[in-house]
Structures are given as C-alpha cells and as structure tokens.
Amino acid sequence: MKKIVYVFPGQASQYVGMGRELYQYSDIVKQFYAQASELLGDDLAHTSFEGPADKLKQTKFTQPAILIHSLALLAIADGKLPVHTFAAGHSLGEYGALALSGALSYEDAITAVCTRAMLMEEACVINPGTMAAILALADDKLEEVVEAASKKGIVTAANINSALQVAVSGDFPAVEEACRLAKEAGAKRAVMLEVGGAFHSPLMASATDKMAACLDTLTINDAKPPVIANVTAAPSGGADDIKSLLVKQITSPVRWRDTMKFFMTEEIDTVVEIGPGKVLTGLAKRDMKGVELHNIDSLSDLESVLSTLS
C-alpha cells in the first residue's frame, strides 16, 4: 500500500485563470468564492479568472485565491482521494492541509486565510520590507551572511525551501546587503524577489494578535492524520497545538526542507500536490529522490490521480 502525503502550495503559485473550470463545474465552489468575496469586499472570482496579474499578486487576493483553488479540488474529489499518511502546506497552504485532515471546515479555512491575508497586507504597510532568494549556499555560510547583514536592519531566513533554495526576509537595506554578501560567499544566485513585504519575519508581528483572535472564533479540531507544521517540521495533531502554531507561522520560517526530510524518514513514497502550479513537486523532485509525484491543478488532473492511485 502506498504511503501518500498531500501537499498544498503557497504564494507564488497563482496564475490568471486559475480555478475557472472548477468554479463552472461546482456550485459548492461558487459558494467558496462568494464567501471570500464578501470577506474581502472584492470579487475574488473575477480577479482569479481575469486578473490583472498585478492585482492577483497582491497578498489580499493571492492567499485566498490559492487556498480556494485547493479546497475546490478537495470538494470536487468528495472524499474519493486515497487515504494519506500525512498532509502539509507551504505557508498559507497549511490551511488547506488542515482542511483535508478535518482540523478546519472549508468555510473556516476560508475565513482564516482571508483574515490572514488582509492582516499580512496591513503589516506590509506598517513595516515595509522585502525578500530575496539565495541559491546554493551552505547553511553555515548563510548563517554568517544573515548575521552580518543584520547590522543594516532585520533580516532572517524565512522560507527554507530545499537543499539549494532559501529565501531571506526583512528590511530593504538588510536584505539587499544579504544578497551582496551571499554572492561574495559563493552563492550561485542571490536575487531580490517581487513581493509585497517581509513575510515570515518579525516585520509581520502586527498581524499575530488579530490572527489569534480570529482563530479563537473558529472551530479547530484535531488533525487526523496529522499535519506537518511549517514552524516545527513535525506532526501537529492537537487542536490547541494547531492554533498556536498557525499564529507563530506568520513570523517564523517555513521549514519545508525539513518537512521533506521528515517525509523521507517516514518512508513516504508518493507526493500529491493539490492546488495551482507545481512548485512543491518541483522541490520534491530534487530533494525526495525516487518518490512518485503527482499534481492536481485541474479536473483532468483529478481524474488522472484518482484513476492512478485508487
């Protein structure tokens, strides 16, 4: 029997047109978009399907658009996906994993992510910042770079994505300095990213109290099977633990490389990415050698995976 994990993408996986066929196929999916549009005060379906791309890139819209794409596929699958051992999601994708595992209802996941997106966008205004991708730099060298760049402001490792890819996040001068120092230290590349703020860094701290208050209003259950939390790269099953980690996640690094290492120690043999794009299966292809990979982005993808894995 296959040992399957389902993974859910985060920001940067979005594309104009995402979710259109899912919306047209299912009335339940239409309700997801209607709920999010009411919470956001804007037509999320139109932004997802028609763009423009610059609007879809705004945190306020990107996060719920990606989550709803993932939830739409889960709703249409209607419980027919093969049994999984674990689930995980990259940043906002953790909410999709929690919905799959029964910790959050689809509706509460949408409420949480719409709130999270708006709070994080506010935090970007309160404490402007940026991010940069650093490729192929050893961990000890990266630590030295971050420590040295911190003299110019806040900077921290934010997305530890794979053995070759880490994103740093923080104040503009500090992140720019980290890029310069990383290149000097031998990084293959160090490039500034076009993002709205310093995600997964202390500059997002203004969002945490209101996010905790939002989660207090929702029903959070134990996750069965467990979800691998971004903050710890370890199983998170209990409701209280889940809530605490979701709040910490906003200012803490996404430990995706360690999550993939955990999957390998657990002898996972199949990874299925549910949502737009192929970012996470791309990372798994490099760091999880020999594992079977699948993507579910469309109705035809869903049919293919159900046929192959069921």
C-alpha atoms as a PDB file:
ATOM      1  CA  MET A   1       0.000   0.000   0.000  1.00  0.00           C
ATOM      2  CA  LYS A   2       1.349   3.418  -0.954  1.00  0.00           C
ATOM      3  CA  LYS A   3       2.344   5.887   1.744  1.00  0.00           C
ATOM      4  CA  ILE A   4       0.874   9.138   0.406  1.00  0.00           C
ATOM      5  CA  VAL A   5       1.271  12.737   1.513  1.00  0.00           C
ATOM      6  CA  TYR A   6      -0.859  15.565   0.165  1.00  0.00           C
ATOM      7  CA  VAL A   7       0.845  18.958  -0.024  1.00  0.00           C
ATOM      8  CA  PHE A   8      -0.692  22.367  -0.639  1.00  0.00           C
ATOM      9  CA  PRO A   9       1.096  25.310  -2.316  1.00  0.00           C
ATOM     10  CA  GLY A  10       1.616  28.829  -1.037  1.00  0.00           C
ATOM     11  CA  GLN A  11       2.142  32.270  -2.531  1.00  0.00           C
ATOM     12  CA  ALA A  12       3.857  32.477  -5.952  1.00  0.00           C
ATOM     13  CA  SER A  13       1.841  29.523  -7.298  1.00  0.00           C
ATOM     14  CA  GLN A  14      -1.004  31.705  -8.562  1.00  0.00           C
ATOM     15  CA  TYR A  15      -1.782  32.394 -12.227  1.00  0.00           C
ATOM     16  CA  VAL A  16      -4.540  34.314 -14.003  1.00  0.00           C
ATOM     17  CA  GLY A  17      -7.331  31.911 -14.951  1.00  0.00           C
ATOM     18  CA  MET A  18      -6.760  29.599 -12.003  1.00  0.00           C
ATOM     19  CA  GLY A  19      -9.881  27.868 -10.746  1.00  0.00           C
ATOM     20  CA  ARG A  20     -12.193  28.924 -13.583  1.00  0.00           C
ATOM     21  CA  GLU A  21     -13.198  25.420 -14.667  1.00  0.00           C
ATOM     22  CA  LEU A  22     -13.657  24.352 -11.049  1.00  0.00           C
ATOM     23  CA  TYR A  23     -15.991  27.306 -10.478  1.00  0.00           C
ATOM     24  CA  GLN A  24     -18.006  26.423 -13.581  1.00  0.00           C
ATOM     25  CA  TYR A  25     -18.197  22.762 -12.536  1.00  0.00           C
ATOM     26  CA  SER A  26     -19.419  23.039  -8.945  1.00  0.00           C
ATOM     27  CA  ASP A  27     -21.975  25.107  -7.058  1.00  0.00           C
ATOM     28  CA  ILE A  28     -20.066  24.410  -3.835  1.00  0.00           C
ATOM     29  CA  VAL A  29     -17.004  26.040  -5.368  1.00  0.00           C
ATOM     30  CA  LYS A  30     -19.107  29.057  -6.344  1.00  0.00           C
ATOM     31  CA  GLN A  31     -20.071  29.345  -2.665  1.00  0.00           C
ATOM     32  CA  PHE A  32     -16.384  29.335  -1.652  1.00  0.00           C
ATOM     33  CA  TYR A  33     -15.666  32.284  -3.951  1.00  0.00           C
ATOM     34  CA  ALA A  34     -18.803  34.111  -2.785  1.00  0.00           C
ATOM     35  CA  GLN A  35     -17.765  33.751   0.867  1.00  0.00           C
ATOM     36  CA  ALA A  36     -14.266  35.046   0.184  1.00  0.00           C
ATOM     37  CA  SER A  37     -15.537  37.927  -1.953  1.00  0.00           C
ATOM     38  CA  GLU A  38     -17.809  39.066   0.871  1.00  0.00           C
ATOM     39  CA  LEU A  39     -14.980  38.926   3.401  1.00  0.00           C
ATOM     40  CA  LEU A  40     -12.538  40.739   1.111  1.00  0.00           C
ATOM     41  CA  GLY A  41     -15.009  43.325  -0.189  1.00  0.00           C
ATOM     42  CA  ASP A  42     -13.981  42.487  -3.754  1.00  0.00           C
ATOM     43  CA  ASP A  43     -14.852  39.908  -6.420  1.00  0.00           C
ATOM     44  CA  LEU A  44     -12.222  37.200  -5.905  1.00  0.00           C
ATOM     45  CA  ALA A  45     -13.584  35.028  -8.714  1.00  0.00           C
ATOM     46  CA  HIS A  46     -13.131  37.842 -11.246  1.00  0.00           C
ATOM     47  CA  THR A  47      -9.607  38.578 -10.010  1.00  0.00           C
ATOM     48  CA  SER A  48      -8.671  34.878 -10.140  1.00  0.00           C
ATOM     49  CA  PHE A  49     -10.116  34.255 -13.589  1.00  0.00           C
ATOM     50  CA  GLU A  50      -9.487  37.574 -15.362  1.00  0.00           C
ATOM     51  CA  GLY A  51      -6.703  39.273 -13.429  1.00  0.00           C
ATOM     52  CA  PRO A  52      -4.946  41.555 -13.982  1.00  0.00           C
ATOM     53  CA  ALA A  53      -1.875  39.653 -12.810  1.00  0.00           C
ATOM     54  CA  ASP A  54      -0.657  42.601 -10.704  1.00  0.00           C
ATOM     55  CA  LYS A  55      -3.897  42.553  -8.710  1.00  0.00           C
ATOM     56  CA  LEU A  56      -3.794  38.785  -8.254  1.00  0.00           C
ATOM     57  CA  LYS A  57      -0.239  39.148  -6.894  1.00  0.00           C
ATOM     58  CA  GLN A  58      -1.500  41.335  -4.043  1.00  0.00           C
ATOM     59  CA  THR A  59      -1.368  39.365  -0.796  1.00  0.00           C
ATOM     60  CA  LYS A  60      -5.008  40.170  -0.025  1.00  0.00           C
ATOM     61  CA  PHE A  61      -6.108  38.252  -3.137  1.00  0.00           C
ATOM     62  CA  THR A  62      -3.293  35.762  -3.688  1.00  0.00           C
ATOM     63  CA  GLN A  63      -3.704  33.857  -0.456  1.00  0.00           C
ATOM     64  CA  PRO A  64      -7.459  33.186  -0.620  1.00  0.00           C
ATOM     65  CA  ALA A  65      -7.286  32.539  -4.384  1.00  0.00           C
ATOM     66  CA  ILE A  66      -4.717  29.771  -3.899  1.00  0.00           C
ATOM     67  CA  LEU A  67      -6.491  28.280  -0.891  1.00  0.00           C
ATOM     68  CA  ILE A  68      -9.866  28.181  -2.647  1.00  0.00           C
ATOM     69  CA  HIS A  69      -8.321  26.537  -5.703  1.00  0.00           C
ATOM     70  CA  SER A  70      -7.055  23.762  -3.406  1.00  0.00           C
ATOM     71  CA  LEU A  71     -10.308  23.489  -1.453  1.00  0.00           C
ATOM     72  CA  ALA A  72     -12.307  23.386  -4.696  1.00  0.00           C
ATOM     73  CA  LEU A  73     -10.364  20.317  -5.805  1.00  0.00           C
ATOM     74  CA  LEU A  74     -10.930  18.670  -2.416  1.00  0.00           C
ATOM     75  CA  ALA A  75     -14.658  19.416  -2.550  1.00  0.00           C
ATOM     76  CA  ILE A  76     -14.997  18.038  -6.070  1.00  0.00           C
ATOM     77  CA  ALA A  77     -12.997  14.934  -5.095  1.00  0.00           C
ATOM     78  CA  ASP A  78     -15.673  14.443  -2.409  1.00  0.00           C
ATOM     79  CA  GLY A  79     -13.691  12.083  -0.205  1.00  0.00           C
ATOM     80  CA  LYS A  80     -12.524   9.850  -3.070  1.00  0.00           C
ATOM     81  CA  LEU A  81      -8.824  10.655  -2.705  1.00  0.00           C
ATOM     82  CA  PRO A  82      -6.768   7.699  -1.446  1.00  0.00           C
ATOM     83  CA  VAL A  83      -6.007   7.558   2.276  1.00  0.00           C
ATOM     84  CA  HIS A  84      -2.966   9.611   3.218  1.00  0.00           C
ATOM     85  CA  THR A  85      -0.321   9.262   5.919  1.00  0.00           C
ATOM     86  CA  PHE A  86       0.353  12.989   6.422  1.00  0.00           C
ATOM     87  CA  ALA A  87      -0.549  16.344   4.908  1.00  0.00           C
ATOM     88  CA  ALA A  88       1.399  19.598   4.786  1.00  0.00           C
ATOM     89  CA  GLY A  89       1.173  23.013   3.177  1.00  0.00           C
ATOM     90  CA  HIS A  90       3.662  25.734   2.380  1.00  0.00           C
ATOM     91  CA  SER A  91       2.771  28.846   4.403  1.00  0.00           C
ATOM     92  CA  LEU A  92      -0.914  29.589   3.630  1.00  0.00           C
ATOM     93  CA  GLY A  93      -1.092  26.069   2.178  1.00  0.00           C
ATOM     94  CA  GLU A  94      -1.053  24.729   5.727  1.00  0.00           C
ATOM     95  CA  TYR A  95      -4.713  25.758   5.968  1.00  0.00           C
ATOM     96  CA  GLY A  96      -5.549  23.519   3.002  1.00  0.00           C
ATOM     97  CA  ALA A  97      -3.752  20.632   4.697  1.00  0.00           C
ATOM     98  CA  LEU A  98      -5.707  21.274   7.901  1.00  0.00           C
ATOM     99  CA  ALA A  99      -8.991  21.312   5.974  1.00  0.00           C
ATOM    100  CA  LEU A 100      -8.145  17.973   4.354  1.00  0.00           C
ATOM    101  CA  SER A 101      -7.311  16.478   7.749  1.00  0.00           C
ATOM    102  CA  GLY A 102     -10.535  17.678   9.381  1.00  0.00           C
ATOM    103  CA  ALA A 103      -8.973  20.273  11.683  1.00  0.00           C
ATOM    104  CA  LEU A 104     -10.830  23.101   9.929  1.00  0.00           C
ATOM    105  CA  SER A 105     -14.027  23.171   7.913  1.00  0.00           C
ATOM    106  CA  TYR A 106     -13.641  24.526   4.395  1.00  0.00           C
ATOM    107  CA  GLU A 107     -15.615  27.615   5.396  1.00  0.00           C
ATOM    108  CA  ASP A 108     -13.484  28.285   8.469  1.00  0.00           C
ATOM    109  CA  ALA A 109     -10.292  27.783   6.446  1.00  0.00           C
ATOM    110  CA  ILE A 110     -11.517  30.447   4.002  1.00  0.00           C
ATOM    111  CA  THR A 111     -12.369  32.822   6.855  1.00  0.00           C
ATOM    112  CA  ALA A 112      -8.954  32.281   8.428  1.00  0.00           C
ATOM    113  CA  VAL A 113      -6.969  32.794   5.228  1.00  0.00           C
ATOM    114  CA  CYS A 114      -8.947  35.868   4.129  1.00  0.00           C
ATOM    115  CA  THR A 115      -8.288  37.367   7.577  1.00  0.00           C
ATOM    116  CA  ARG A 116      -4.629  36.320   7.448  1.00  0.00           C
ATOM    117  CA  ALA A 117      -4.175  37.837   4.000  1.00  0.00           C
ATOM    118  CA  MET A 118      -5.666  41.184   4.992  1.00  0.00           C
ATOM    119  CA  LEU A 119      -3.683  41.308   8.254  1.00  0.00           C
ATOM    120  CA  MET A 120      -0.429  40.481   6.493  1.00  0.00           C
ATOM    121  CA  GLU A 121      -1.100  43.122   3.855  1.00  0.00           C
ATOM    122  CA  GLU A 122      -1.654  45.642   6.670  1.00  0.00           C
ATOM    123  CA  ALA A 123       1.619  44.524   8.261  1.00  0.00           C
ATOM    124  CA  CYS A 124       3.406  45.187   4.962  1.00  0.00           C
ATOM    125  CA  VAL A 125       2.251  48.803   5.179  1.00  0.00           C
ATOM    126  CA  ILE A 126       3.103  49.181   8.868  1.00  0.00           C
ATOM    127  CA  ASN A 127       6.580  47.667   8.476  1.00  0.00           C
ATOM    128  CA  PRO A 128       7.664  47.724   4.808  1.00  0.00           C
ATOM    129  CA  GLY A 129      10.141  45.062   3.827  1.00  0.00           C
ATOM    130  CA  THR A 130      11.131  42.619   1.131  1.00  0.00           C
ATOM    131  CA  MET A 131      12.560  39.158   0.422  1.00  0.00           C
ATOM    132  CA  ALA A 132      15.366  37.625  -1.631  1.00  0.00           C
ATOM    133  CA  ALA A 133      16.121  34.130  -2.897  1.00  0.00           C
ATOM    134  CA  ILE A 134      19.574  32.717  -2.201  1.00  0.00           C
ATOM    135  CA  LEU A 135      20.574  29.624  -4.157  1.00  0.00           C
ATOM    136  CA  ALA A 136      23.227  27.013  -3.418  1.00  0.00           C
ATOM    137  CA  LEU A 137      24.875  28.466  -0.322  1.00  0.00           C
ATOM    138  CA  ALA A 138      25.912  26.200   2.556  1.00  0.00           C
ATOM    139  CA  ASP A 139      23.971  26.579   5.806  1.00  0.00           C
ATOM    140  CA  ASP A 140      26.954  27.813   7.810  1.00  0.00           C
ATOM    141  CA  LYS A 141      27.761  30.423   5.161  1.00  0.00           C
ATOM    142  CA  LEU A 142      24.128  31.551   5.073  1.00  0.00           C
ATOM    143  CA  GLU A 143      24.091  31.981   8.846  1.00  0.00           C
ATOM    144  CA  GLU A 144      27.192  34.150   8.600  1.00  0.00           C
ATOM    145  CA  VAL A 145      25.628  36.224   5.813  1.00  0.00           C
ATOM    146  CA  VAL A 146      22.403  36.798   7.761  1.00  0.00           C
ATOM    147  CA  GLU A 147      24.297  37.731  10.936  1.00  0.00           C
ATOM    148  CA  ALA A 148      26.490  40.218   9.073  1.00  0.00           C
ATOM    149  CA  ALA A 149      23.576  41.720   7.099  1.00  0.00           C
ATOM    150  CA  SER A 150      21.627  42.190  10.346  1.00  0.00           C
ATOM    151  CA  LYS A 151      23.796  45.201  11.094  1.00  0.00           C
ATOM    152  CA  LYS A 152      21.693  47.051   8.496  1.00  0.00           C
ATOM    153  CA  GLY A 153      18.327  46.001   9.906  1.00  0.00           C
ATOM    154  CA  ILE A 154      16.106  42.984  10.454  1.00  0.00           C
ATOM    155  CA  VAL A 155      16.839  40.022   8.180  1.00  0.00           C
ATOM    156  CA  THR A 156      16.139  36.341   8.718  1.00  0.00           C
ATOM    157  CA  ALA A 157      15.839  33.060   6.827  1.00  0.00           C
ATOM    158  CA  ALA A 158      12.136  32.916   6.002  1.00  0.00           C
ATOM    159  CA  ASN A 159      11.488  30.077   3.551  1.00  0.00           C
ATOM    160  CA  ILE A 160      13.931  27.194   3.897  1.00  0.00           C
ATOM    161  CA  ASN A 161      12.601  25.516   0.793  1.00  0.00           C
ATOM    162  CA  SER A 162      15.150  22.913  -0.233  1.00  0.00           C
ATOM    163  CA  ALA A 163      18.777  21.904  -0.036  1.00  0.00           C
ATOM    164  CA  LEU A 164      19.558  24.545  -2.655  1.00  0.00           C
ATOM    165  CA  GLN A 165      16.995  27.297  -2.062  1.00  0.00           C
ATOM    166  CA  VAL A 166      16.423  29.628   0.883  1.00  0.00           C
ATOM    167  CA  ALA A 167      14.532  32.924   0.928  1.00  0.00           C
ATOM    168  CA  VAL A 168      15.539  35.639   3.378  1.00  0.00           C
ATOM    169  CA  SER A 169      13.155  38.316   4.582  1.00  0.00           C
ATOM    170  CA  GLY A 170      13.382  41.665   6.363  1.00  0.00           C
ATOM    171  CA  ASP A 171      14.177  45.359   5.989  1.00  0.00           C
ATOM    172  CA  PHE A 172      15.147  46.515   2.485  1.00  0.00           C
ATOM    173  CA  PRO A 173      18.755  47.564   3.343  1.00  0.00           C
ATOM    174  CA  ALA A 174      19.417  44.352   5.269  1.00  0.00           C
ATOM    175  CA  VAL A 175      18.022  42.072   2.558  1.00  0.00           C
ATOM    176  CA  GLU A 176      19.983  43.923  -0.126  1.00  0.00           C
ATOM    177  CA  GLU A 177      23.117  43.517   1.986  1.00  0.00           C
ATOM    178  CA  ALA A 178      22.377  39.811   2.429  1.00  0.00           C
ATOM    179  CA  CYS A 179      22.252  39.430  -1.361  1.00  0.00           C
ATOM    180  CA  ARG A 180      25.595  41.190  -1.767  1.00  0.00           C
ATOM    181  CA  LEU A 181      27.274  39.148   0.953  1.00  0.00           C
ATOM    182  CA  ALA A 182      25.758  35.882  -0.294  1.00  0.00           C
ATOM    183  CA  LYS A 183      27.270  36.419  -3.734  1.00  0.00           C
ATOM    184  CA  GLU A 184      30.631  37.158  -2.140  1.00  0.00           C
ATOM    185  CA  ALA A 185      30.315  33.966  -0.080  1.00  0.00           C
ATOM    186  CA  GLY A 186      29.811  31.869  -3.205  1.00  0.00           C
ATOM    187  CA  ALA A 187      26.039  31.619  -3.666  1.00  0.00           C
ATOM    188  CA  LYS A 188      25.046  30.514  -7.154  1.00  0.00           C
ATOM    189  CA  ARG A 189      22.446  33.290  -7.218  1.00  0.00           C
ATOM    190  CA  ALA A 190      21.079  35.902  -4.837  1.00  0.00           C
ATOM    191  CA  VAL A 191      18.144  37.849  -6.245  1.00  0.00           C
ATOM    192  CA  MET A 192      15.601  40.256  -4.824  1.00  0.00           C
ATOM    193  CA  LEU A 193      12.019  38.994  -5.102  1.00  0.00           C
ATOM    194  CA  GLU A 194       8.979  40.960  -6.262  1.00  0.00           C
ATOM    195  CA  VAL A 195       6.919  40.561  -3.115  1.00  0.00           C
ATOM    196  CA  GLY A 196       4.705  42.858  -1.106  1.00  0.00           C
ATOM    197  CA  GLY A 197       6.534  42.561   2.182  1.00  0.00           C
ATOM    198  CA  ALA A 198       8.846  40.720   4.548  1.00  0.00           C
ATOM    199  CA  PHE A 199       6.813  37.552   5.037  1.00  0.00           C
ATOM    200  CA  HIS A 200       7.703  35.057   7.776  1.00  0.00           C
ATOM    201  CA  SER A 201       9.853  37.598   9.571  1.00  0.00           C
ATOM    202  CA  PRO A 202       9.468  39.747  12.718  1.00  0.00           C
ATOM    203  CA  LEU A 203       8.156  42.558  10.482  1.00  0.00           C
ATOM    204  CA  MET A 204       4.848  40.640  10.308  1.00  0.00           C
ATOM    205  CA  ALA A 205       4.373  40.770  14.094  1.00  0.00           C
ATOM    206  CA  SER A 206       1.497  43.277  13.963  1.00  0.00           C
ATOM    207  CA  ALA A 207      -0.686  40.541  12.404  1.00  0.00           C
ATOM    208  CA  THR A 208      -0.307  37.937  15.133  1.00  0.00           C
ATOM    209  CA  ASP A 209      -2.684  39.126  17.875  1.00  0.00           C
ATOM    210  CA  LYS A 210      -5.566  39.724  15.466  1.00  0.00           C
ATOM    211  CA  MET A 211      -4.901  36.377  13.803  1.00  0.00           C
ATOM    212  CA  ALA A 212      -5.087  34.660  17.173  1.00  0.00           C
ATOM    213  CA  ALA A 213      -8.372  36.466  17.854  1.00  0.00           C
ATOM    214  CA  CYS A 214      -9.756  35.264  14.508  1.00  0.00           C
ATOM    215  CA  LEU A 215      -8.757  31.657  15.217  1.00  0.00           C
ATOM    216  CA  ASP A 216     -10.459  31.913  18.629  1.00  0.00           C
ATOM    217  CA  THR A 217     -13.781  32.391  16.811  1.00  0.00           C
ATOM    218  CA  LEU A 218     -13.361  29.259  14.674  1.00  0.00           C
ATOM    219  CA  THR A 219     -13.809  25.577  15.447  1.00  0.00           C
ATOM    220  CA  ILE A 220     -10.450  23.798  15.377  1.00  0.00           C
ATOM    221  CA  ASN A 221     -10.401  20.026  15.707  1.00  0.00           C
ATOM    222  CA  ASP A 222      -7.585  17.508  15.985  1.00  0.00           C
ATOM    223  CA  ALA A 223      -5.981  16.764  12.610  1.00  0.00           C
ATOM    224  CA  LYS A 224      -6.402  13.145  11.507  1.00  0.00           C
ATOM    225  CA  PRO A 225      -3.995  12.161  10.004  1.00  0.00           C
ATOM    226  CA  PRO A 226      -1.580  14.738  11.434  1.00  0.00           C
ATOM    227  CA  VAL A 227      -0.412  17.803   9.524  1.00  0.00           C
ATOM    228  CA  ILE A 228       3.300  18.594   9.415  1.00  0.00           C
ATOM    229  CA  ALA A 229       3.565  22.143  10.753  1.00  0.00           C
ATOM    230  CA  ASN A 230       5.684  24.775   8.989  1.00  0.00           C
ATOM    231  CA  VAL A 231       7.112  26.029  12.283  1.00  0.00           C
ATOM    232  CA  THR A 232       8.364  22.683  13.596  1.00  0.00           C
ATOM    233  CA  ALA A 233       8.527  20.396  10.520  1.00  0.00           C
ATOM    234  CA  ALA A 234       6.916  17.824  12.825  1.00  0.00           C
ATOM    235  CA  PRO A 235       3.422  16.331  13.160  1.00  0.00           C
ATOM    236  CA  SER A 236       0.824  18.643  14.667  1.00  0.00           C
ATOM    237  CA  GLY A 237      -2.378  16.867  15.572  1.00  0.00           C
ATOM    238  CA  GLY A 238      -3.941  18.517  18.624  1.00  0.00           C
ATOM    239  CA  ALA A 239      -6.312  21.460  18.242  1.00  0.00           C
ATOM    240  CA  ASP A 240      -4.534  23.725  20.769  1.00  0.00           C
ATOM    241  CA  ASP A 241      -1.170  22.983  19.196  1.00  0.00           C
ATOM    242  CA  ILE A 242      -2.532  23.740  15.724  1.00  0.00           C
ATOM    243  CA  LYS A 243      -3.864  27.141  16.747  1.00  0.00           C
ATOM    244  CA  SER A 244      -0.639  28.175  18.467  1.00  0.00           C
ATOM    245  CA  LEU A 245       1.489  27.106  15.500  1.00  0.00           C
ATOM    246  CA  LEU A 246      -0.709  28.930  12.982  1.00  0.00           C
ATOM    247  CA  VAL A 247      -0.118  32.175  14.875  1.00  0.00           C
ATOM    248  CA  LYS A 248       3.640  31.551  15.184  1.00  0.00           C
ATOM    249  CA  GLN A 249       3.791  30.674  11.493  1.00  0.00           C
ATOM    250  CA  ILE A 250       3.241  34.316  10.489  1.00  0.00           C
ATOM    251  CA  THR A 251       6.612  35.430  11.874  1.00  0.00           C
ATOM    252  CA  SER A 252       8.514  32.129  11.755  1.00  0.00           C
ATOM    253  CA  PRO A 253      10.450  30.411   8.959  1.00  0.00           C
ATOM    254  CA  VAL A 254       8.717  27.872   6.726  1.00  0.00           C
ATOM    255  CA  ARG A 255      10.827  24.744   7.280  1.00  0.00           C
ATOM    256  CA  TRP A 256       9.925  22.975   4.042  1.00  0.00           C
ATOM    257  CA  ARG A 257      13.311  21.317   3.537  1.00  0.00           C
ATOM    258  CA  ASP A 258      12.970  19.696   6.973  1.00  0.00           C
ATOM    259  CA  THR A 259       9.391  18.721   6.153  1.00  0.00           C
ATOM    260  CA  MET A 260      10.620  16.823   3.102  1.00  0.00           C
ATOM    261  CA  LYS A 261      13.341  15.197   5.224  1.00  0.00           C
ATOM    262  CA  PHE A 262      10.651  14.090   7.675  1.00  0.00           C
ATOM    263  CA  PHE A 263       8.676  12.535   4.822  1.00  0.00           C
ATOM    264  CA  MET A 264      11.741  10.597   3.738  1.00  0.00           C
ATOM    265  CA  THR A 265      12.390   9.278   7.255  1.00  0.00           C
ATOM    266  CA  GLU A 266       8.768   8.112   7.326  1.00  0.00           C
ATOM    267  CA  GLU A 267       9.330   6.277   4.010  1.00  0.00           C
ATOM    268  CA  ILE A 268       6.745   8.279   2.101  1.00  0.00           C
ATOM    269  CA  ASP A 269       6.677   7.026  -1.487  1.00  0.00           C
ATOM    270  CA  THR A 270       4.049   9.284  -3.112  1.00  0.00           C
ATOM    271  CA  VAL A 271       3.636  13.080  -3.006  1.00  0.00           C
ATOM    272  CA  VAL A 272       0.492  14.683  -4.429  1.00  0.00           C
ATOM    273  CA  GLU A 273       0.334  18.493  -4.749  1.00  0.00           C
ATOM    274  CA  ILE A 274      -3.217  19.865  -4.627  1.00  0.00           C
ATOM    275  CA  GLY A 275      -3.660  23.376  -5.995  1.00  0.00           C
ATOM    276  CA  PRO A 276      -2.234  25.677  -8.640  1.00  0.00           C
ATOM    277  CA  GLY A 277       1.162  25.027 -10.157  1.00  0.00           C
ATOM    278  CA  LYS A 278       3.952  22.556  -9.468  1.00  0.00           C
ATOM    279  CA  VAL A 279       6.217  24.416  -7.045  1.00  0.00           C
ATOM    280  CA  LEU A 280       6.181  21.818  -4.260  1.00  0.00           C
ATOM    281  CA  THR A 281       6.508  18.784  -6.504  1.00  0.00           C
ATOM    282  CA  GLY A 282       9.396  20.615  -8.170  1.00  0.00           C
ATOM    283  CA  LEU A 283      11.131  20.874  -4.801  1.00  0.00           C
ATOM    284  CA  ALA A 284      10.323  17.239  -4.008  1.00  0.00           C
ATOM    285  CA  LYS A 285      11.781  16.101  -7.330  1.00  0.00           C
ATOM    286  CA  ARG A 286      15.162  17.459  -6.229  1.00  0.00           C
ATOM    287  CA  ASP A 287      15.097  16.612  -2.512  1.00  0.00           C
ATOM    288  CA  MET A 288      12.986  13.412  -2.409  1.00  0.00           C
ATOM    289  CA  LYS A 289      14.690  11.178  -4.956  1.00  0.00           C
ATOM    290  CA  GLY A 290      12.712   8.167  -6.132  1.00  0.00           C
ATOM    291  CA  VAL A 291       9.349   9.373  -4.802  1.00  0.00           C
ATOM    292  CA  GLU A 292       6.297   9.208  -7.087  1.00  0.00           C
ATOM    293  CA  LEU A 293       4.987  12.720  -7.818  1.00  0.00           C
ATOM    294  CA  HIS A 294       1.529  13.913  -8.897  1.00  0.00           C
ATOM    295  CA  ASN A 295      -0.140  17.309  -9.341  1.00  0.00           C
ATOM    296  CA  ILE A 296      -3.831  18.098  -9.101  1.00  0.00           C
ATOM    297  CA  ASP A 297      -4.500  21.534 -10.617  1.00  0.00           C
ATOM    298  CA  SER A 298      -7.462  20.771 -12.908  1.00  0.00           C
ATOM    299  CA  LEU A 299     -10.415  18.415 -13.291  1.00  0.00           C
ATOM    300  CA  SER A 300      -8.437  16.236 -15.696  1.00  0.00           C
ATOM    301  CA  ASP A 301      -5.560  16.083 -13.188  1.00  0.00           C
ATOM    302  CA  LEU A 302      -8.007  14.972 -10.504  1.00  0.00           C
ATOM    303  CA  GLU A 303      -9.447  12.244 -12.706  1.00  0.00           C
ATOM    304  CA  SER A 304      -5.954  11.050 -13.581  1.00  0.00           C
ATOM    305  CA  VAL A 305      -4.796  10.841  -9.953  1.00  0.00           C
ATOM    306  CA  LEU A 306      -7.983   9.097  -8.835  1.00  0.00           C
ATOM    307  CA  SER A 307      -7.524   6.576 -11.635  1.00  0.00           C
ATOM    308  CA  THR A 308      -3.818   6.049 -10.943  1.00  0.00           C
ATOM    309  CA  LEU A 309      -3.792   5.900  -7.151  1.00  0.00           C
ATOM    310  CA  SER A 310      -7.203   4.462  -6.251  1.00  0.00           C
END
